[in-house]
C-alpha atoms as a PDB file:
ATOM      1  CA  MET A   1     -39.602 -44.758 112.267  1.00  0.00           C
ATOM      2  CA  SER A   2     -41.799 -45.207 109.248  1.00  0.00           C
ATOM      3  CA  GLU A   3     -45.504 -45.792 108.871  1.00  0.00           C
ATOM      4  CA  ARG A   4     -44.644 -49.405 108.047  1.00  0.00           C
ATOM      5  CA  THR A   5     -42.764 -50.075 111.284  1.00  0.00           C
ATOM      6  CA  ALA A   6     -44.729 -47.898 113.731  1.00  0.00           C
ATOM      7  CA  PRO A   7     -47.215 -50.616 114.838  1.00  0.00           C
ATOM      8  CA  SER A   8     -44.411 -53.165 115.272  1.00  0.00           C
ATOM      9  CA  LEU A   9     -42.302 -50.758 117.301  1.00  0.00           C
ATOM     10  CA  ALA A  10     -45.278 -49.898 119.508  1.00  0.00           C
ATOM     11  CA  LYS A  11     -45.873 -53.609 120.191  1.00  0.00           C
ATOM     12  CA  LEU A  12     -42.169 -54.080 120.883  1.00  0.00           C
ATOM     13  CA  ASP A  13     -42.383 -51.297 123.463  1.00  0.00           C
ATOM     14  CA  ASP A  14     -45.284 -53.203 125.064  1.00  0.00           C
ATOM     15  CA  LEU A  15     -43.206 -56.385 125.005  1.00  0.00           C
ATOM     16  CA  LEU A  16     -40.228 -54.660 126.601  1.00  0.00           C
ATOM     17  CA  ALA A  17     -42.449 -53.304 129.377  1.00  0.00           C
ATOM     18  CA  ALA A  18     -43.834 -56.815 130.002  1.00  0.00           C
ATOM     19  CA  LEU A  19     -40.354 -58.341 130.014  1.00  0.00           C
ATOM     20  CA  LYS A  20     -38.947 -55.743 132.384  1.00  0.00           C
ATOM     21  CA  GLY A  21     -41.806 -56.558 134.759  1.00  0.00           C
ATOM     22  CA  LEU A  22     -40.888 -60.249 134.931  1.00  0.00           C
ATOM     23  CA  PRO A  23     -39.391 -61.539 138.171  1.00  0.00           C
ATOM     24  CA  ALA A  24     -35.621 -61.697 138.310  1.00  0.00           C
ATOM     25  CA  GLY A  25     -34.242 -64.865 136.853  1.00  0.00           C
ATOM     26  CA  SER A  26     -31.212 -66.317 135.161  1.00  0.00           C
ATOM     27  CA  THR A  27     -32.316 -65.329 131.655  1.00  0.00           C
ATOM     28  CA  LYS A  28     -34.357 -62.152 132.265  1.00  0.00           C
ATOM     29  CA  GLU A  29     -31.458 -59.765 131.561  1.00  0.00           C
ATOM     30  CA  GLU A  30     -30.495 -61.605 128.366  1.00  0.00           C
ATOM     31  CA  LEU A  31     -34.140 -61.677 127.276  1.00  0.00           C
ATOM     32  CA  VAL A  32     -34.546 -57.917 127.767  1.00  0.00           C
ATOM     33  CA  GLU A  33     -31.252 -57.204 125.951  1.00  0.00           C
ATOM     34  CA  THR A  34     -32.275 -59.452 123.050  1.00  0.00           C
ATOM     35  CA  ALA A  35     -35.702 -57.797 122.800  1.00  0.00           C
ATOM     36  CA  GLU A  36     -34.018 -54.373 122.768  1.00  0.00           C
ATOM     37  CA  ALA A  37     -31.771 -55.601 119.940  1.00  0.00           C
ATOM     38  CA  LEU A  38     -34.896 -56.803 118.110  1.00  0.00           C
ATOM     39  CA  ARG A  39     -36.389 -53.323 118.424  1.00  0.00           C
ATOM     40  CA  ARG A  40     -33.222 -51.791 116.947  1.00  0.00           C
ATOM     41  CA  ALA A  41     -33.317 -54.326 114.079  1.00  0.00           C
ATOM     42  CA  VAL A  42     -36.929 -53.422 113.260  1.00  0.00           C
ATOM     43  CA  ALA A  43     -36.138 -49.707 113.362  1.00  0.00           C
ATOM     44  CA  ALA A  44     -33.254 -50.333 110.952  1.00  0.00           C
ATOM     45  CA  PHE A  45     -35.289 -52.599 108.586  1.00  0.00           C
ATOM     46  CA  HIS A  46     -32.629 -55.306 109.057  1.00  0.00           C
ATOM     47  CA  MET A  47     -34.439 -58.438 107.864  1.00  0.00           C
ATOM     48  CA  GLU A  48     -31.847 -61.026 108.846  1.00  0.00           C
ATOM     49  CA  ALA A  49     -31.425 -59.509 112.308  1.00  0.00           C
ATOM     50  CA  ILE A  50     -35.207 -59.471 112.771  1.00  0.00           C
ATOM     51  CA  ARG A  51     -35.462 -63.208 112.056  1.00  0.00           C
ATOM     52  CA  PHE A  52     -32.486 -63.997 114.285  1.00  0.00           C
ATOM     53  CA  ARG A  53     -33.692 -61.842 117.192  1.00  0.00           C
ATOM     54  CA  MET A  54     -37.283 -63.125 116.932  1.00  0.00           C
ATOM     55  CA  HIS A  55     -35.958 -66.676 117.216  1.00  0.00           C
ATOM     56  CA  SER A  56     -33.762 -65.711 120.169  1.00  0.00           C
ATOM     57  CA  VAL A  57     -36.532 -63.891 122.042  1.00  0.00           C
ATOM     58  CA  ASP A  58     -38.900 -66.819 121.425  1.00  0.00           C
ATOM     59  CA  ARG A  59     -36.312 -69.312 122.700  1.00  0.00           C
ATOM     60  CA  LEU A  60     -35.584 -67.260 125.838  1.00  0.00           C
ATOM     61  CA  LEU A  61     -39.230 -66.450 126.536  1.00  0.00           C
ATOM     62  CA  LYS A  62     -40.632 -70.007 126.471  1.00  0.00           C
ATOM     63  CA  PRO A  63     -39.045 -71.189 129.760  1.00  0.00           C
ATOM     64  CA  MET A  64     -40.293 -68.041 131.536  1.00  0.00           C
ATOM     65  CA  SER A  65     -43.889 -69.306 131.145  1.00  0.00           C
ATOM     66  CA  ASP A  66     -45.395 -65.814 131.332  1.00  0.00           C
ATOM     67  CA  ALA A  67     -48.708 -65.787 129.466  1.00  0.00           C
ATOM     68  CA  LYS A  68     -48.869 -61.990 129.143  1.00  0.00           C
ATOM     69  CA  ALA A  69     -45.358 -61.657 127.694  1.00  0.00           C
ATOM     70  CA  GLU A  70     -45.978 -64.586 125.339  1.00  0.00           C
ATOM     71  CA  ALA A  71     -49.240 -63.019 124.122  1.00  0.00           C
ATOM     72  CA  VAL A  72     -47.520 -59.678 123.454  1.00  0.00           C
ATOM     73  CA  PHE A  73     -44.711 -61.520 121.643  1.00  0.00           C
ATOM     74  CA  LEU A  74     -47.305 -63.120 119.347  1.00  0.00           C
ATOM     75  CA  GLU A  75     -48.759 -59.655 118.699  1.00  0.00           C
ATOM     76  CA  VAL A  76     -45.259 -58.428 117.784  1.00  0.00           C
ATOM     77  CA  ARG A  77     -44.888 -61.341 115.352  1.00  0.00           C
ATOM     78  CA  HIS A  78     -48.294 -60.554 113.820  1.00  0.00           C
ATOM     79  CA  GLU A  79     -47.465 -56.852 113.368  1.00  0.00           C
ATOM     80  CA  LEU A  80     -44.084 -57.624 111.820  1.00  0.00           C
ATOM     81  CA  GLU A  81     -45.548 -60.162 109.416  1.00  0.00           C
ATOM     82  CA  ALA A  82     -48.392 -57.779 108.520  1.00  0.00           C
ATOM     83  CA  ALA A  83     -45.738 -55.163 107.675  1.00  0.00           C
ATOM     84  CA  GLY A  84     -44.023 -57.663 105.357  1.00  0.00           C
ATOM     85  CA  PHE A  85     -41.140 -58.704 107.600  1.00  0.00           C
ATOM     86  CA  HIS A  86     -40.180 -62.359 107.771  1.00  0.00           C
ATOM     87  CA  THR A  87     -39.988 -63.495 111.379  1.00  0.00           C
ATOM     88  CA  ARG A  88     -39.149 -67.147 110.811  1.00  0.00           C
ATOM     89  CA  SER A  89     -36.412 -68.879 108.885  1.00  0.00           C
ATOM     90  CA  HIS A  90     -39.055 -71.182 107.380  1.00  0.00           C
ATOM     91  CA  ALA A  91     -42.701 -70.906 106.472  1.00  0.00           C
ATOM     92  CA  ALA A  92     -45.117 -71.111 109.360  1.00  0.00           C
ATOM     93  CA  PRO A  93     -47.178 -74.281 109.503  1.00  0.00           C
ATOM     94  CA  PRO A  94     -50.714 -73.910 108.185  1.00  0.00           C
ATOM     95  CA  THR A  95     -53.362 -73.215 110.798  1.00  0.00           C
ATOM     96  CA  SER A  96     -55.483 -76.044 109.456  1.00  0.00           C
ATOM     97  CA  ALA A  97     -54.986 -78.954 107.117  1.00  0.00           C
ATOM     98  CA  PRO A  98     -55.724 -78.229 103.465  1.00  0.00           C
ATOM     99  CA  LYS A  99     -58.977 -79.668 102.211  1.00  0.00           C
ATOM    100  CA  THR A 100     -58.772 -82.531  99.787  1.00  0.00           C
ATOM    101  CA  THR A 101     -61.613 -83.481  97.509  1.00  0.00           C
END
């Protein structure tokens, strides 16, 4: 673990705890396994795996409709992006429309 990845890994640990606390369901096991793979990718600085696993966790998490887990996932994304990791295969949409004069 490096200084660069420490905050992301800590948030991923929070995410894993939240995911493991979800009620049993058809995708819970796959979601936990994918999040664990994401943690390994971050620890290994594997950029392509990070993007792929972030997409997979996001896709699996949405149908679970768990606000706490979704909030922690957004914190993970923020920490990864703050550390310079790319978490999307494309640029994120702007938070507001650019001003035109």
